[in-house]
């Protein structure tokens, strides 16, 4: 078996080639890893809900997403998205609920 000696003619070009290759491999890896996470966490749409007498965010959240494992997370998302306080909800107020 013959051993070939590899000679780097231009070290600057070789370094740039290695740098670009590592950048693209890293970028491709992060893109593939984060693509599934972004789709899984993105809401499909927001439902517009008009608050009725005796409505609570807990009841609204459970009726729009009954299969959700932890309803507390959805209630927190409703608080954050609508920038509301549950103690100040009045009949006729409009709340947007993420529907997954």
C-alpha atoms as a PDB file:
ATOM      1  CA  UNK A   1       0.000   0.000   0.000  1.00  0.00           C
ATOM      2  CA  UNK A   2       1.457   3.317  -1.061  1.00  0.00           C
ATOM      3  CA  UNK A   3       1.373   6.328   1.212  1.00  0.00           C
ATOM      4  CA  UNK A   4       0.736   9.608  -0.494  1.00  0.00           C
ATOM      5  CA  UNK A   5       1.964  12.778   1.020  1.00  0.00           C
ATOM      6  CA  UNK A   6      -0.603  15.549   0.906  1.00  0.00           C
ATOM      7  CA  UNK A   7       0.741  19.030   0.568  1.00  0.00           C
ATOM      8  CA  UNK A   8      -1.327  22.085   1.439  1.00  0.00           C
ATOM      9  CA  UNK A   9      -0.464  24.626  -1.212  1.00  0.00           C
ATOM     10  CA  UNK A  10      -2.270  27.617   0.299  1.00  0.00           C
ATOM     11  CA  UNK A  11      -2.845  27.354   4.073  1.00  0.00           C
ATOM     12  CA  UNK A  12      -5.196  30.365   4.162  1.00  0.00           C
ATOM     13  CA  UNK A  13      -7.548  28.835   1.583  1.00  0.00           C
ATOM     14  CA  UNK A  14      -7.430  25.501   3.381  1.00  0.00           C
ATOM     15  CA  UNK A  15      -8.305  27.164   6.704  1.00  0.00           C
ATOM     16  CA  UNK A  16     -11.225  29.047   5.099  1.00  0.00           C
ATOM     17  CA  UNK A  17     -12.460  25.814   3.513  1.00  0.00           C
ATOM     18  CA  UNK A  18     -12.379  24.016   6.886  1.00  0.00           C
ATOM     19  CA  UNK A  19     -14.091  26.947   8.617  1.00  0.00           C
ATOM     20  CA  UNK A  20     -16.913  27.105   6.051  1.00  0.00           C
ATOM     21  CA  UNK A  21     -17.383  23.329   6.163  1.00  0.00           C
ATOM     22  CA  UNK A  22     -17.673  23.305   9.955  1.00  0.00           C
ATOM     23  CA  UNK A  23     -20.117  26.237   9.801  1.00  0.00           C
ATOM     24  CA  UNK A  24     -22.409  24.464   7.314  1.00  0.00           C
ATOM     25  CA  UNK A  25     -22.361  21.184   9.214  1.00  0.00           C
ATOM     26  CA  UNK A  26     -23.193  22.981  12.468  1.00  0.00           C
ATOM     27  CA  UNK A  27     -25.954  25.032  10.820  1.00  0.00           C
ATOM     28  CA  UNK A  28     -27.489  21.939   9.205  1.00  0.00           C
ATOM     29  CA  UNK A  29     -27.430  20.065  12.513  1.00  0.00           C
ATOM     30  CA  UNK A  30     -29.158  22.834  14.437  1.00  0.00           C
ATOM     31  CA  UNK A  31     -31.707  23.301  11.660  1.00  0.00           C
ATOM     32  CA  UNK A  32     -32.645  19.640  11.701  1.00  0.00           C
ATOM     33  CA  UNK A  33     -32.880  19.509  15.486  1.00  0.00           C
ATOM     34  CA  UNK A  34     -34.969  22.644  15.885  1.00  0.00           C
ATOM     35  CA  UNK A  35     -37.341  22.103  12.942  1.00  0.00           C
ATOM     36  CA  UNK A  36     -39.464  19.533  14.750  1.00  0.00           C
ATOM     37  CA  UNK A  37     -39.620  21.552  17.941  1.00  0.00           C
ATOM     38  CA  UNK A  38     -40.844  24.692  16.226  1.00  0.00           C
ATOM     39  CA  UNK A  39     -43.743  22.912  14.548  1.00  0.00           C
ATOM     40  CA  UNK A  40     -44.768  21.050  17.684  1.00  0.00           C
ATOM     41  CA  UNK A  41     -45.000  24.148  19.855  1.00  0.00           C
ATOM     42  CA  UNK A  42     -46.602  26.552  17.378  1.00  0.00           C
ATOM     43  CA  UNK A  43     -50.354  27.073  17.835  1.00  0.00           C
ATOM     44  CA  UNK A  44     -52.489  26.321  14.827  1.00  0.00           C
ATOM     45  CA  UNK A  45     -54.760  29.295  15.428  1.00  0.00           C
ATOM     46  CA  UNK A  46     -56.297  31.480  18.119  1.00  0.00           C
ATOM     47  CA  UNK A  47     -59.967  31.205  19.015  1.00  0.00           C
ATOM     48  CA  UNK A  48     -61.788  34.407  19.907  1.00  0.00           C
ATOM     49  CA  UNK A  49     -63.859  33.876  23.066  1.00  0.00           C
ATOM     50  CA  UNK A  50     -66.351  36.347  24.498  1.00  0.00           C
ATOM     51  CA  UNK A  51     -66.514  36.022  28.279  1.00  0.00           C
ATOM     52  CA  UNK A  52     -69.959  35.078  29.566  1.00  0.00           C
ATOM     53  CA  UNK A  53     -71.353  35.273  33.094  1.00  0.00           C
ATOM     54  CA  UNK A  54     -69.531  32.860  35.479  1.00  0.00           C
ATOM     55  CA  UNK A  55     -66.821  31.995  32.906  1.00  0.00           C
ATOM     56  CA  UNK A  56     -63.329  31.303  34.210  1.00  0.00           C
ATOM     57  CA  UNK A  57     -60.110  30.974  32.243  1.00  0.00           C
ATOM     58  CA  UNK A  58     -59.768  27.460  33.620  1.00  0.00           C
ATOM     59  CA  UNK A  59     -63.147  26.414  32.133  1.00  0.00           C
ATOM     60  CA  UNK A  60     -62.408  28.127  28.833  1.00  0.00           C
ATOM     61  CA  UNK A  61     -58.981  26.512  28.556  1.00  0.00           C
ATOM     62  CA  UNK A  62     -60.320  23.039  29.342  1.00  0.00           C
ATOM     63  CA  UNK A  63     -63.149  23.340  26.818  1.00  0.00           C
ATOM     64  CA  UNK A  64     -60.884  24.434  23.951  1.00  0.00           C
ATOM     65  CA  UNK A  65     -58.100  21.917  24.614  1.00  0.00           C
ATOM     66  CA  UNK A  66     -59.500  18.912  26.500  1.00  0.00           C
ATOM     67  CA  UNK A  67     -56.648  16.567  25.447  1.00  0.00           C
ATOM     68  CA  UNK A  68     -53.939  18.810  26.866  1.00  0.00           C
ATOM     69  CA  UNK A  69     -52.014  17.093  29.670  1.00  0.00           C
ATOM     70  CA  UNK A  70     -51.564  20.115  31.960  1.00  0.00           C
ATOM     71  CA  UNK A  71     -54.294  22.736  31.677  1.00  0.00           C
ATOM     72  CA  UNK A  72     -52.300  25.124  33.925  1.00  0.00           C
ATOM     73  CA  UNK A  73     -49.819  25.716  31.100  1.00  0.00           C
ATOM     74  CA  UNK A  74     -52.620  26.743  28.730  1.00  0.00           C
ATOM     75  CA  UNK A  75     -54.144  29.083  31.319  1.00  0.00           C
ATOM     76  CA  UNK A  76     -50.719  30.696  31.729  1.00  0.00           C
ATOM     77  CA  UNK A  77     -50.424  31.095  27.935  1.00  0.00           C
ATOM     78  CA  UNK A  78     -53.839  32.789  27.855  1.00  0.00           C
ATOM     79  CA  UNK A  79     -52.709  35.200  30.609  1.00  0.00           C
ATOM     80  CA  UNK A  80     -49.522  36.037  28.748  1.00  0.00           C
ATOM     81  CA  UNK A  81     -51.003  36.380  25.262  1.00  0.00           C
ATOM     82  CA  UNK A  82     -53.956  38.538  26.320  1.00  0.00           C
ATOM     83  CA  UNK A  83     -52.077  40.449  29.041  1.00  0.00           C
ATOM     84  CA  UNK A  84     -54.991  40.068  31.435  1.00  0.00           C
ATOM     85  CA  UNK A  85     -55.664  39.478  35.112  1.00  0.00           C
ATOM     86  CA  UNK A  86     -58.187  36.737  35.932  1.00  0.00           C
ATOM     87  CA  UNK A  87     -59.658  38.817  38.760  1.00  0.00           C
ATOM     88  CA  UNK A  88     -60.669  41.581  36.338  1.00  0.00           C
ATOM     89  CA  UNK A  89     -62.575  39.488  33.768  1.00  0.00           C
ATOM     90  CA  UNK A  90     -65.989  40.897  32.993  1.00  0.00           C
ATOM     91  CA  UNK A  91     -68.812  39.526  30.837  1.00  0.00           C
ATOM     92  CA  UNK A  92     -68.322  40.822  27.304  1.00  0.00           C
ATOM     93  CA  UNK A  93     -64.505  40.851  27.472  1.00  0.00           C
ATOM     94  CA  UNK A  94     -62.742  39.184  24.559  1.00  0.00           C
ATOM     95  CA  UNK A  95     -60.008  36.608  25.165  1.00  0.00           C
ATOM     96  CA  UNK A  96     -57.932  34.804  22.539  1.00  0.00           C
ATOM     97  CA  UNK A  97     -57.216  31.142  23.273  1.00  0.00           C
ATOM     98  CA  UNK A  98     -54.498  29.187  21.430  1.00  0.00           C
ATOM     99  CA  UNK A  99     -55.894  26.072  19.791  1.00  0.00           C
ATOM    100  CA  UNK A 100     -53.299  23.401  19.014  1.00  0.00           C
END
